[in-house]
PDB file of N, CA and C in Angstrom:
ATOM      1  N   UNK A   1     -58.564 -60.848  46.937  1.00  0.00           N
ATOM      2  CA  UNK A   1     -59.237 -60.914  45.432  1.00  0.00           C
ATOM      3  C   UNK A   1     -58.447 -61.567  44.426  1.00  0.00           C
ATOM      4  N   UNK A   2     -58.941 -62.575  43.866  1.00  0.00           N
ATOM      5  CA  UNK A   2     -58.163 -63.234  42.899  1.00  0.00           C
ATOM      6  C   UNK A   2     -59.050 -62.712  41.530  1.00  0.00           C
ATOM      7  N   UNK A   3     -58.213 -61.815  40.532  1.00  0.00           N
ATOM      8  CA  UNK A   3     -58.828 -61.373  39.347  1.00  0.00           C
ATOM      9  C   UNK A   3     -58.289 -61.985  37.954  1.00  0.00           C
ATOM     10  N   UNK A   4     -59.409 -62.078  37.274  1.00  0.00           N
ATOM     11  CA  UNK A   4     -59.085 -62.719  36.105  1.00  0.00           C
ATOM     12  C   UNK A   4     -58.334 -61.766  34.922  1.00  0.00           C
ATOM     13  N   UNK A   5     -57.402 -61.839  34.808  1.00  0.00           N
ATOM     14  CA  UNK A   5     -56.702 -60.779  34.146  1.00  0.00           C
ATOM     15  C   UNK A   5     -57.253 -60.700  32.679  1.00  0.00           C
ATOM     16  N   UNK A   6     -57.956 -61.689  32.115  1.00  0.00           N
ATOM     17  CA  UNK A   6     -58.426 -61.489  30.737  1.00  0.00           C
ATOM     18  C   UNK A   6     -59.782 -60.648  30.487  1.00  0.00           C
ATOM     19  N   UNK A   7     -60.352 -60.631  31.623  1.00  0.00           N
ATOM     20  CA  UNK A   7     -61.678 -59.838  31.659  1.00  0.00           C
ATOM     21  C   UNK A   7     -62.170 -59.136  32.824  1.00  0.00           C
ATOM     22  N   UNK A   8     -61.105 -59.155  33.920  1.00  0.00           N
ATOM     23  CA  UNK A   8     -61.131 -58.192  35.064  1.00  0.00           C
ATOM     24  C   UNK A   8     -62.184 -58.486  36.275  1.00  0.00           C
ATOM     25  N   UNK A   9     -62.900 -59.632  35.874  1.00  0.00           N
ATOM     26  CA  UNK A   9     -63.701 -60.307  36.681  1.00  0.00           C
ATOM     27  C   UNK A   9     -63.011 -61.135  38.046  1.00  0.00           C
ATOM     28  N   UNK A  10     -63.770 -61.201  39.150  1.00  0.00           N
ATOM     29  CA  UNK A  10     -63.281 -61.995  40.246  1.00  0.00           C
ATOM     30  C   UNK A  10     -63.398 -63.368  40.068  1.00  0.00           C
ATOM     31  N   UNK A  11     -62.309 -64.221  40.402  1.00  0.00           N
ATOM     32  CA  UNK A  11     -62.267 -65.501  40.040  1.00  0.00           C
ATOM     33  C   UNK A  11     -62.881 -66.195  41.300  1.00  0.00           C
ATOM     34  N   UNK A  12     -63.585 -67.186  41.197  1.00  0.00           N
ATOM     35  CA  UNK A  12     -64.096 -68.139  42.245  1.00  0.00           C
ATOM     36  C   UNK A  12     -63.310 -69.339  42.131  1.00  0.00           C
ATOM     37  N   UNK A  13     -63.288 -70.119  43.073  1.00  0.00           N
ATOM     38  CA  UNK A  13     -62.817 -71.505  43.169  1.00  0.00           C
ATOM     39  C   UNK A  13     -63.505 -72.378  41.691  1.00  0.00           C
ATOM     40  N   UNK A  14     -64.756 -72.126  41.649  1.00  0.00           N
ATOM     41  CA  UNK A  14     -65.627 -72.972  40.596  1.00  0.00           C
ATOM     42  C   UNK A  14     -64.875 -72.684  39.306  1.00  0.00           C
ATOM     43  N   UNK A  15     -64.235 -71.470  38.837  1.00  0.00           N
ATOM     44  CA  UNK A  15     -63.856 -71.089  37.885  1.00  0.00           C
ATOM     45  C   UNK A  15     -62.407 -71.739  37.405  1.00  0.00           C
ATOM     46  N   UNK A  16     -61.751 -72.243  38.608  1.00  0.00           N
ATOM     47  CA  UNK A  16     -60.567 -73.052  38.428  1.00  0.00           C
ATOM     48  C   UNK A  16     -60.689 -74.326  38.130  1.00  0.00           C
ATOM     49  N   UNK A  17     -61.548 -74.893  37.996  1.00  0.00           N
ATOM     50  CA  UNK A  17     -61.977 -76.514  38.028  1.00  0.00           C
ATOM     51  C   UNK A  17     -62.707 -76.679  36.759  1.00  0.00           C
ATOM     52  N   UNK A  18     -62.675 -77.739  35.894  1.00  0.00           N
ATOM     53  CA  UNK A  18     -63.271 -78.275  34.768  1.00  0.00           C
ATOM     54  C   UNK A  18     -64.829 -78.355  35.283  1.00  0.00           C
ATOM     55  N   UNK A  19     -65.732 -78.119  34.187  1.00  0.00           N
ATOM     56  CA  UNK A  19     -67.083 -77.878  34.193  1.00  0.00           C
ATOM     57  C   UNK A  19     -67.349 -79.534  34.629  1.00  0.00           C
ATOM     58  N   UNK A  20     -68.299 -79.670  35.814  1.00  0.00           N
ATOM     59  CA  UNK A  20     -68.744 -80.923  36.140  1.00  0.00           C
ATOM     60  C   UNK A  20     -67.706 -81.728  37.328  1.00  0.00           C
ATOM     61  N   UNK A  21     -66.787 -81.086  37.642  1.00  0.00           N
ATOM     62  CA  UNK A  21     -65.841 -81.708  38.808  1.00  0.00           C
ATOM     63  C   UNK A  21     -66.535 -81.344  40.068  1.00  0.00           C
ATOM     64  N   UNK A  22     -66.601 -82.364  40.921  1.00  0.00           N
ATOM     65  CA  UNK A  22     -67.232 -82.014  42.419  1.00  0.00           C
ATOM     66  C   UNK A  22     -66.147 -81.588  43.082  1.00  0.00           C
ATOM     67  N   UNK A  23     -65.440 -80.348  42.941  1.00  0.00           N
ATOM     68  CA  UNK A  23     -64.270 -79.605  43.472  1.00  0.00           C
ATOM     69  C   UNK A  23     -64.644 -79.480  44.859  1.00  0.00           C
ATOM     70  N   UNK A  24     -65.736 -79.116  45.459  1.00  0.00           N
ATOM     71  CA  UNK A  24     -66.214 -79.094  46.936  1.00  0.00           C
ATOM     72  C   UNK A  24     -65.924 -80.227  47.718  1.00  0.00           C
ATOM     73  N   UNK A  25     -66.182 -81.289  47.227  1.00  0.00           N
ATOM     74  CA  UNK A  25     -65.989 -82.361  47.817  1.00  0.00           C
ATOM     75  C   UNK A  25     -64.726 -83.091  47.715  1.00  0.00           C
ATOM     76  N   UNK A  26     -63.908 -82.555  46.709  1.00  0.00           N
ATOM     77  CA  UNK A  26     -62.567 -83.158  46.620  1.00  0.00           C
ATOM     78  C   UNK A  26     -61.514 -82.407  47.493  1.00  0.00           C
ATOM     79  N   UNK A  27     -61.865 -80.929  47.384  1.00  0.00           N
ATOM     80  CA  UNK A  27     -61.134 -80.184  48.380  1.00  0.00           C
ATOM     81  C   UNK A  27     -61.328 -80.459  49.763  1.00  0.00           C
ATOM     82  N   UNK A  28     -62.611 -80.603  50.232  1.00  0.00           N
ATOM     83  CA  UNK A  28     -62.975 -81.013  51.562  1.00  0.00           C
ATOM     84  C   UNK A  28     -62.349 -82.373  52.015  1.00  0.00           C
ATOM     85  N   UNK A  29     -62.508 -83.165  51.149  1.00  0.00           N
ATOM     86  CA  UNK A  29     -61.454 -84.648  51.391  1.00  0.00           C
ATOM     87  C   UNK A  29     -60.026 -84.183  51.668  1.00  0.00           C
ATOM     88  N   UNK A  30     -59.712 -83.845  50.856  1.00  0.00           N
ATOM     89  CA  UNK A  30     -58.042 -83.486  50.843  1.00  0.00           C
ATOM     90  C   UNK A  30     -57.688 -82.700  51.926  1.00  0.00           C
ATOM     91  N   UNK A  31     -58.361 -81.731  52.332  1.00  0.00           N
ATOM     92  CA  UNK A  31     -58.067 -80.942  53.604  1.00  0.00           C
ATOM     93  C   UNK A  31     -58.320 -81.679  54.806  1.00  0.00           C
ATOM     94  N   UNK A  32     -59.449 -82.286  54.936  1.00  0.00           N
ATOM     95  CA  UNK A  32     -59.561 -83.079  56.175  1.00  0.00           C
ATOM     96  C   UNK A  32     -58.737 -84.343  56.309  1.00  0.00           C
ATOM     97  N   UNK A  33     -58.223 -84.845  55.288  1.00  0.00           N
ATOM     98  CA  UNK A  33     -57.362 -86.028  55.303  1.00  0.00           C
ATOM     99  C   UNK A  33     -55.804 -85.365  55.802  1.00  0.00           C
ATOM    100  N   UNK A  34     -55.437 -84.021  55.171  1.00  0.00           N
ATOM    101  CA  UNK A  34     -54.340 -83.511  55.735  1.00  0.00           C
ATOM    102  C   UNK A  34     -54.630 -83.047  57.248  1.00  0.00           C
ATOM    103  N   UNK A  35     -55.469 -82.576  57.605  1.00  0.00           N
ATOM    104  CA  UNK A  35     -55.922 -82.352  59.047  1.00  0.00           C
ATOM    105  C   UNK A  35     -55.658 -83.512  59.936  1.00  0.00           C
ATOM    106  N   UNK A  36     -56.147 -84.685  59.450  1.00  0.00           N
ATOM    107  CA  UNK A  36     -56.188 -85.918  60.235  1.00  0.00           C
ATOM    108  C   UNK A  36     -54.902 -86.714  60.562  1.00  0.00           C
ATOM    109  N   UNK A  37     -53.721 -86.137  59.710  1.00  0.00           N
ATOM    110  CA  UNK A  37     -52.248 -86.439  59.731  1.00  0.00           C
ATOM    111  C   UNK A  37     -51.694 -85.678  60.739  1.00  0.00           C
ATOM    112  N   UNK A  38     -52.026 -84.675  61.305  1.00  0.00           N
ATOM    113  CA  UNK A  38     -51.470 -84.002  62.348  1.00  0.00           C
ATOM    114  C   UNK A  38     -52.695 -83.353  63.339  1.00  0.00           C
ATOM    115  N   UNK A  39     -53.676 -83.803  63.545  1.00  0.00           N
ATOM    116  CA  UNK A  39     -54.610 -83.481  64.381  1.00  0.00           C
ATOM    117  C   UNK A  39     -54.488 -82.629  65.816  1.00  0.00           C
ATOM    118  N   UNK A  40     -53.105 -83.038  66.178  1.00  0.00           N
ATOM    119  CA  UNK A  40     -52.729 -82.219  67.459  1.00  0.00           C
ATOM    120  C   UNK A  40     -52.221 -80.464  66.886  1.00  0.00           C
ATOM    121  N   UNK A  41     -52.084 -80.168  65.566  1.00  0.00           N
ATOM    122  CA  UNK A  41     -52.072 -78.866  65.630  1.00  0.00           C
ATOM    123  C   UNK A  41     -53.365 -77.938  65.037  1.00  0.00           C
ATOM    124  N   UNK A  42     -54.611 -78.669  65.189  1.00  0.00           N
ATOM    125  CA  UNK A  42     -55.656 -78.194  64.824  1.00  0.00           C
ATOM    126  C   UNK A  42     -56.729 -78.267  66.197  1.00  0.00           C
ATOM    127  N   UNK A  43     -57.752 -77.522  66.161  1.00  0.00           N
ATOM    128  CA  UNK A  43     -58.761 -77.549  67.340  1.00  0.00           C
ATOM    129  C   UNK A  43     -59.437 -79.166  67.243  1.00  0.00           C
ATOM    130  N   UNK A  44     -59.939 -79.650  68.279  1.00  0.00           N
ATOM    131  CA  UNK A  44     -60.240 -81.106  68.556  1.00  0.00           C
ATOM    132  C   UNK A  44     -61.246 -81.179  67.630  1.00  0.00           C
ATOM    133  N   UNK A  45     -61.360 -82.298  67.070  1.00  0.00           N
ATOM    134  CA  UNK A  45     -62.490 -82.716  66.096  1.00  0.00           C
ATOM    135  C   UNK A  45     -62.751 -81.647  64.575  1.00  0.00           C
ATOM    136  N   UNK A  46     -61.754 -81.087  64.309  1.00  0.00           N
ATOM    137  CA  UNK A  46     -61.908 -80.377  63.340  1.00  0.00           C
ATOM    138  C   UNK A  46     -62.210 -80.701  62.191  1.00  0.00           C
ATOM    139  N   UNK A  47     -63.472 -80.693  61.104  1.00  0.00           N
ATOM    140  CA  UNK A  47     -63.774 -80.966  60.140  1.00  0.00           C
ATOM    141  C   UNK A  47     -64.146 -79.675  59.143  1.00  0.00           C
ATOM    142  N   UNK A  48     -63.671 -79.689  57.977  1.00  0.00           N
ATOM    143  CA  UNK A  48     -63.705 -78.531  57.312  1.00  0.00           C
ATOM    144  C   UNK A  48     -64.976 -79.078  56.060  1.00  0.00           C
ATOM    145  N   UNK A  49     -65.853 -78.333  55.747  1.00  0.00           N
ATOM    146  CA  UNK A  49     -66.875 -78.353  54.618  1.00  0.00           C
ATOM    147  C   UNK A  49     -66.278 -77.153  53.789  1.00  0.00           C
ATOM    148  N   UNK A  50     -65.553 -77.268  52.736  1.00  0.00           N
ATOM    149  CA  UNK A  50     -65.073 -76.061  51.988  1.00  0.00           C
ATOM    150  C   UNK A  50     -66.498 -75.356  51.405  1.00  0.00           C
ATOM    151  N   UNK A  51     -66.370 -73.930  51.554  1.00  0.00           N
ATOM    152  CA  UNK A  51     -67.654 -73.463  50.893  1.00  0.00           C
ATOM    153  C   UNK A  51     -67.417 -72.728  49.821  1.00  0.00           C
ATOM    154  N   UNK A  52     -68.035 -72.359  48.640  1.00  0.00           N
ATOM    155  CA  UNK A  52     -67.780 -71.842  47.361  1.00  0.00           C
ATOM    156  C   UNK A  52     -67.158 -70.353  47.487  1.00  0.00           C
ATOM    157  N   UNK A  53     -67.057 -69.746  48.610  1.00  0.00           N
ATOM    158  CA  UNK A  53     -66.551 -68.375  49.031  1.00  0.00           C
ATOM    159  C   UNK A  53     -65.282 -68.875  49.761  1.00  0.00           C
ATOM    160  N   UNK A  54     -64.530 -69.952  49.768  1.00  0.00           N
ATOM    161  CA  UNK A  54     -63.290 -70.318  50.487  1.00  0.00           C
ATOM    162  C   UNK A  54     -62.159 -69.375  49.846  1.00  0.00           C
ATOM    163  N   UNK A  55     -61.386 -68.883  50.824  1.00  0.00           N
ATOM    164  CA  UNK A  55     -60.255 -68.009  50.552  1.00  0.00           C
ATOM    165  C   UNK A  55     -59.052 -68.890  49.929  1.00  0.00           C
ATOM    166  N   UNK A  56     -58.415 -68.316  48.764  1.00  0.00           N
ATOM    167  CA  UNK A  56     -57.531 -68.863  48.175  1.00  0.00           C
ATOM    168  C   UNK A  56     -56.713 -68.080  47.302  1.00  0.00           C
ATOM    169  N   UNK A  57     -55.517 -68.422  46.950  1.00  0.00           N
ATOM    170  CA  UNK A  57     -54.653 -67.826  45.936  1.00  0.00           C
ATOM    171  C   UNK A  57     -53.998 -68.804  45.030  1.00  0.00           C
ATOM    172  N   UNK A  58     -53.475 -68.413  43.963  1.00  0.00           N
ATOM    173  CA  UNK A  58     -52.958 -69.318  42.927  1.00  0.00           C
ATOM    174  C   UNK A  58     -51.472 -68.850  42.918  1.00  0.00           C
ATOM    175  N   UNK A  59     -50.516 -70.071  42.747  1.00  0.00           N
ATOM    176  CA  UNK A  59     -49.173 -69.894  42.728  1.00  0.00           C
ATOM    177  C   UNK A  59     -48.687 -70.762  41.614  1.00  0.00           C
ATOM    178  N   UNK A  60     -47.465 -70.656  41.169  1.00  0.00           N
ATOM    179  CA  UNK A  60     -47.144 -71.601  39.955  1.00  0.00           C
ATOM    180  C   UNK A  60     -47.047 -73.019  40.574  1.00  0.00           C
ATOM    181  N   UNK A  61     -47.175 -73.469  41.382  1.00  0.00           N
ATOM    182  CA  UNK A  61     -47.426 -75.098  42.001  1.00  0.00           C
ATOM    183  C   UNK A  61     -48.873 -75.429  42.232  1.00  0.00           C
ATOM    184  N   UNK A  62     -49.601 -74.405  42.487  1.00  0.00           N
ATOM    185  CA  UNK A  62     -51.071 -75.017  42.405  1.00  0.00           C
ATOM    186  C   UNK A  62     -52.042 -73.888  43.043  1.00  0.00           C
ATOM    187  N   UNK A  63     -53.137 -74.297  43.590  1.00  0.00           N
ATOM    188  CA  UNK A  63     -54.142 -73.760  44.444  1.00  0.00           C
ATOM    189  C   UNK A  63     -53.828 -73.561  45.877  1.00  0.00           C
ATOM    190  N   UNK A  64     -53.752 -72.580  46.489  1.00  0.00           N
ATOM    191  CA  UNK A  64     -53.413 -72.618  48.115  1.00  0.00           C
ATOM    192  C   UNK A  64     -54.702 -72.120  48.697  1.00  0.00           C
ATOM    193  N   UNK A  65     -55.433 -73.073  49.351  1.00  0.00           N
ATOM    194  CA  UNK A  65     -56.483 -72.521  50.402  1.00  0.00           C
ATOM    195  C   UNK A  65     -55.961 -72.310  51.596  1.00  0.00           C
ATOM    196  N   UNK A  66     -56.673 -71.465  52.303  1.00  0.00           N
ATOM    197  CA  UNK A  66     -56.115 -70.750  53.547  1.00  0.00           C
ATOM    198  C   UNK A  66     -57.216 -70.500  54.364  1.00  0.00           C
ATOM    199  N   UNK A  67     -57.131 -70.499  55.788  1.00  0.00           N
ATOM    200  CA  UNK A  67     -57.974 -70.368  56.889  1.00  0.00           C
ATOM    201  C   UNK A  67     -57.267 -69.053  57.720  1.00  0.00           C
ATOM    202  N   UNK A  68     -58.207 -68.228  58.330  1.00  0.00           N
ATOM    203  CA  UNK A  68     -57.671 -67.155  59.205  1.00  0.00           C
ATOM    204  C   UNK A  68     -57.256 -67.728  60.537  1.00  0.00           C
ATOM    205  N   UNK A  69     -56.376 -66.927  61.212  1.00  0.00           N
ATOM    206  CA  UNK A  69     -55.957 -67.393  62.541  1.00  0.00           C
ATOM    207  C   UNK A  69     -57.137 -67.701  63.395  1.00  0.00           C
ATOM    208  N   UNK A  70     -57.022 -68.958  64.040  1.00  0.00           N
ATOM    209  CA  UNK A  70     -58.082 -69.160  65.001  1.00  0.00           C
ATOM    210  C   UNK A  70     -59.229 -69.685  64.274  1.00  0.00           C
ATOM    211  N   UNK A  71     -59.362 -69.981  62.977  1.00  0.00           N
ATOM    212  CA  UNK A  71     -60.487 -70.232  62.403  1.00  0.00           C
ATOM    213  C   UNK A  71     -60.640 -71.987  62.511  1.00  0.00           C
ATOM    214  N   UNK A  72     -59.544 -72.837  62.373  1.00  0.00           N
ATOM    215  CA  UNK A  72     -59.470 -74.102  62.548  1.00  0.00           C
ATOM    216  C   UNK A  72     -58.321 -74.490  63.339  1.00  0.00           C
ATOM    217  N   UNK A  73     -57.548 -74.033  63.995  1.00  0.00           N
ATOM    218  CA  UNK A  73     -56.429 -74.042  64.757  1.00  0.00           C
ATOM    219  C   UNK A  73     -56.080 -72.674  65.667  1.00  0.00           C
ATOM    220  N   UNK A  74     -55.601 -73.235  66.749  1.00  0.00           N
ATOM    221  CA  UNK A  74     -55.196 -71.997  67.611  1.00  0.00           C
ATOM    222  C   UNK A  74     -54.184 -70.819  66.899  1.00  0.00           C
ATOM    223  N   UNK A  75     -54.559 -69.579  67.411  1.00  0.00           N
ATOM    224  CA  UNK A  75     -54.109 -68.635  67.005  1.00  0.00           C
ATOM    225  C   UNK A  75     -52.516 -68.553  66.666  1.00  0.00           C
ATOM    226  N   UNK A  76     -51.783 -69.324  67.805  1.00  0.00           N
ATOM    227  CA  UNK A  76     -50.180 -69.375  67.860  1.00  0.00           C
ATOM    228  C   UNK A  76     -50.020 -70.178  66.600  1.00  0.00           C
ATOM    229  N   UNK A  77     -50.909 -70.905  65.922  1.00  0.00           N
ATOM    230  CA  UNK A  77     -50.340 -71.818  64.692  1.00  0.00           C
ATOM    231  C   UNK A  77     -50.445 -71.104  63.659  1.00  0.00           C
ATOM    232  N   UNK A  78     -51.063 -69.970  63.564  1.00  0.00           N
ATOM    233  CA  UNK A  78     -51.027 -68.942  62.443  1.00  0.00           C
ATOM    234  C   UNK A  78     -52.014 -69.268  61.484  1.00  0.00           C
ATOM    235  N   UNK A  79     -51.845 -68.818  60.156  1.00  0.00           N
ATOM    236  CA  UNK A  79     -52.796 -69.028  59.346  1.00  0.00           C
ATOM    237  C   UNK A  79     -52.350 -70.480  58.634  1.00  0.00           C
ATOM    238  N   UNK A  80     -53.379 -71.213  58.579  1.00  0.00           N
ATOM    239  CA  UNK A  80     -53.430 -72.593  58.042  1.00  0.00           C
ATOM    240  C   UNK A  80     -53.469 -72.526  56.638  1.00  0.00           C
ATOM    241  N   UNK A  81     -52.417 -72.971  55.816  1.00  0.00           N
ATOM    242  CA  UNK A  81     -52.496 -73.102  54.453  1.00  0.00           C
ATOM    243  C   UNK A  81     -52.439 -74.667  53.794  1.00  0.00           C
ATOM    244  N   UNK A  82     -53.222 -74.717  52.845  1.00  0.00           N
ATOM    245  CA  UNK A  82     -53.246 -76.333  52.343  1.00  0.00           C
ATOM    246  C   UNK A  82     -53.009 -76.110  50.627  1.00  0.00           C
ATOM    247  N   UNK A  83     -51.884 -76.704  50.107  1.00  0.00           N
ATOM    248  CA  UNK A  83     -51.552 -76.413  48.923  1.00  0.00           C
ATOM    249  C   UNK A  83     -52.262 -77.565  47.900  1.00  0.00           C
ATOM    250  N   UNK A  84     -53.124 -77.179  46.781  1.00  0.00           N
ATOM    251  CA  UNK A  84     -53.688 -77.927  46.087  1.00  0.00           C
ATOM    252  C   UNK A  84     -52.871 -78.269  44.869  1.00  0.00           C
ATOM    253  N   UNK A  85     -51.989 -79.129  44.917  1.00  0.00           N
ATOM    254  CA  UNK A  85     -50.908 -78.907  43.815  1.00  0.00           C
ATOM    255  C   UNK A  85     -51.432 -79.222  42.345  1.00  0.00           C
ATOM    256  N   UNK A  86     -51.052 -78.561  41.342  1.00  0.00           N
ATOM    257  CA  UNK A  86     -51.332 -78.829  40.022  1.00  0.00           C
ATOM    258  C   UNK A  86     -50.917 -80.244  39.728  1.00  0.00           C
ATOM    259  N   UNK A  87     -49.772 -80.496  40.019  1.00  0.00           N
ATOM    260  CA  UNK A  87     -49.273 -82.082  39.847  1.00  0.00           C
ATOM    261  C   UNK A  87     -50.098 -82.923  40.337  1.00  0.00           C
ATOM    262  N   UNK A  88     -50.778 -82.966  41.422  1.00  0.00           N
ATOM    263  CA  UNK A  88     -51.628 -84.122  41.899  1.00  0.00           C
ATOM    264  C   UNK A  88     -53.286 -83.917  41.386  1.00  0.00           C
ATOM    265  N   UNK A  89     -53.580 -82.541  41.230  1.00  0.00           N
ATOM    266  CA  UNK A  89     -55.068 -82.470  40.987  1.00  0.00           C
ATOM    267  C   UNK A  89     -55.104 -81.896  39.498  1.00  0.00           C
ATOM    268  N   UNK A  90     -54.190 -81.962  38.715  1.00  0.00           N
ATOM    269  CA  UNK A  90     -54.029 -81.313  37.293  1.00  0.00           C
ATOM    270  C   UNK A  90     -55.234 -81.823  36.415  1.00  0.00           C
ATOM    271  N   UNK A  91     -55.723 -83.093  36.728  1.00  0.00           N
ATOM    272  CA  UNK A  91     -56.930 -83.854  35.802  1.00  0.00           C
ATOM    273  C   UNK A  91     -58.131 -82.941  36.169  1.00  0.00           C
ATOM    274  N   UNK A  92     -58.405 -82.342  37.400  1.00  0.00           N
ATOM    275  CA  UNK A  92     -59.538 -81.611  37.710  1.00  0.00           C
ATOM    276  C   UNK A  92     -59.500 -79.810  37.315  1.00  0.00           C
ATOM    277  N   UNK A  93     -58.251 -79.612  37.235  1.00  0.00           N
ATOM    278  CA  UNK A  93     -58.016 -78.145  37.213  1.00  0.00           C
ATOM    279  C   UNK A  93     -58.433 -77.743  35.517  1.00  0.00           C
ATOM    280  N   UNK A  94     -58.776 -76.598  35.367  1.00  0.00           N
ATOM    281  CA  UNK A  94     -59.129 -76.002  34.042  1.00  0.00           C
ATOM    282  C   UNK A  94     -57.865 -75.709  33.420  1.00  0.00           C
ATOM    283  N   UNK A  95     -57.607 -76.086  32.309  1.00  0.00           N
ATOM    284  CA  UNK A  95     -56.341 -76.012  31.521  1.00  0.00           C
ATOM    285  C   UNK A  95     -55.926 -74.618  31.479  1.00  0.00           C
ATOM    286  N   UNK A  96     -57.010 -73.776  31.353  1.00  0.00           N
ATOM    287  CA  UNK A  96     -56.494 -72.343  31.277  1.00  0.00           C
ATOM    288  C   UNK A  96     -55.492 -71.567  32.485  1.00  0.00           C
ATOM    289  N   UNK A  97     -55.883 -72.408  33.633  1.00  0.00           N
ATOM    290  CA  UNK A  97     -55.000 -72.201  34.838  1.00  0.00           C
ATOM    291  C   UNK A  97     -53.660 -73.308  35.138  1.00  0.00           C
ATOM    292  N   UNK A  98     -53.720 -74.229  34.323  1.00  0.00           N
ATOM    293  CA  UNK A  98     -52.554 -75.148  34.445  1.00  0.00           C
ATOM    294  C   UNK A  98     -52.309 -75.864  33.103  1.00  0.00           C
ATOM    295  N   UNK A  99     -51.284 -75.339  32.625  1.00  0.00           N
ATOM    296  CA  UNK A  99     -50.811 -75.945  31.414  1.00  0.00           C
ATOM    297  C   UNK A  99     -49.614 -77.043  31.933  1.00  0.00           C
ATOM    298  N   UNK A 100     -49.824 -78.203  31.138  1.00  0.00           N
ATOM    299  CA  UNK A 100     -48.863 -79.143  31.314  1.00  0.00           C
ATOM    300  C   UNK A 100     -48.818 -79.797  29.776  1.00  0.00           C
ATOM    301  N   UNK A 101     -47.870 -81.013  29.676  1.00  0.00           N
ATOM    302  CA  UNK A 101     -47.963 -81.660  28.395  1.00  0.00           C
ATOM    303  C   UNK A 101     -49.188 -82.361  27.904  1.00  0.00           C
ATOM    304  N   UNK A 102     -49.801 -82.788  28.986  1.00  0.00           N
ATOM    305  CA  UNK A 102     -50.863 -83.552  28.689  1.00  0.00           C
ATOM    306  C   UNK A 102     -52.334 -82.783  28.341  1.00  0.00           C
ATOM    307  N   UNK A 103     -52.461 -81.514  28.712  1.00  0.00           N
ATOM    308  CA  UNK A 103     -53.540 -80.713  28.177  1.00  0.00           C
ATOM    309  C   UNK A 103     -53.253 -79.408  27.409  1.00  0.00           C
ATOM    310  N   UNK A 104     -52.169 -79.534  26.610  1.00  0.00           N
ATOM    311  CA  UNK A 104     -51.815 -78.625  25.543  1.00  0.00           C
ATOM    312  C   UNK A 104     -52.109 -79.367  24.463  1.00  0.00           C
ATOM    313  N   UNK A 105     -52.996 -78.391  23.733  1.00  0.00           N
ATOM    314  CA  UNK A 105     -53.171 -78.921  22.292  1.00  0.00           C
ATOM    315  C   UNK A 105     -52.069 -78.624  21.523  1.00  0.00           C
ATOM    316  N   UNK A 106     -51.598 -79.607  20.753  1.00  0.00           N
ATOM    317  CA  UNK A 106     -50.370 -79.325  19.854  1.00  0.00           C
ATOM    318  C   UNK A 106     -50.909 -79.402  18.545  1.00  0.00           C
ATOM    319  N   UNK A 107     -50.938 -78.521  17.371  1.00  0.00           N
ATOM    320  CA  UNK A 107     -51.457 -78.313  16.088  1.00  0.00           C
ATOM    321  C   UNK A 107     -49.942 -78.791  15.136  1.00  0.00           C
ATOM    322  N   UNK A 108     -50.474 -79.553  14.252  1.00  0.00           N
ATOM    323  CA  UNK A 108     -49.169 -79.782  13.454  1.00  0.00           C
ATOM    324  C   UNK A 108     -49.101 -78.905  12.311  1.00  0.00           C
ATOM    325  N   UNK A 109     -47.846 -78.505  11.658  1.00  0.00           N
ATOM    326  CA  UNK A 109     -47.781 -77.509  10.512  1.00  0.00           C
ATOM    327  C   UNK A 109     -48.266 -78.279   9.459  1.00  0.00           C
ATOM    328  N   UNK A 110     -48.910 -77.878   8.629  1.00  0.00           N
ATOM    329  CA  UNK A 110     -49.277 -78.489   7.250  1.00  0.00           C
ATOM    330  C   UNK A 110     -48.563 -77.863   6.085  1.00  0.00           C
TER     331      UNK A 110
END
């Protein structure tokens, strides 16, 4: 579970992205692109469509989407993880979860 420490509610992928961002399409395309770079590691013709309920966790580097053993690759390949880096996808991420110099509002002293 991913819990919002401010209100105690469970976080979903939708919560991590700015309103109006087609995060499902962005994530699905990114992961399918990664899979296509090393197709021999995955089941033949693997294509993922990320659901709203996709398993994930947050690190200081980004959002990690992961798949259970034997879900998209043979069990001997282990749990498949894909980093959605804040650096690469920061423009789509809700600034509450990713602060950088471009999305921090600076107030001038009067």
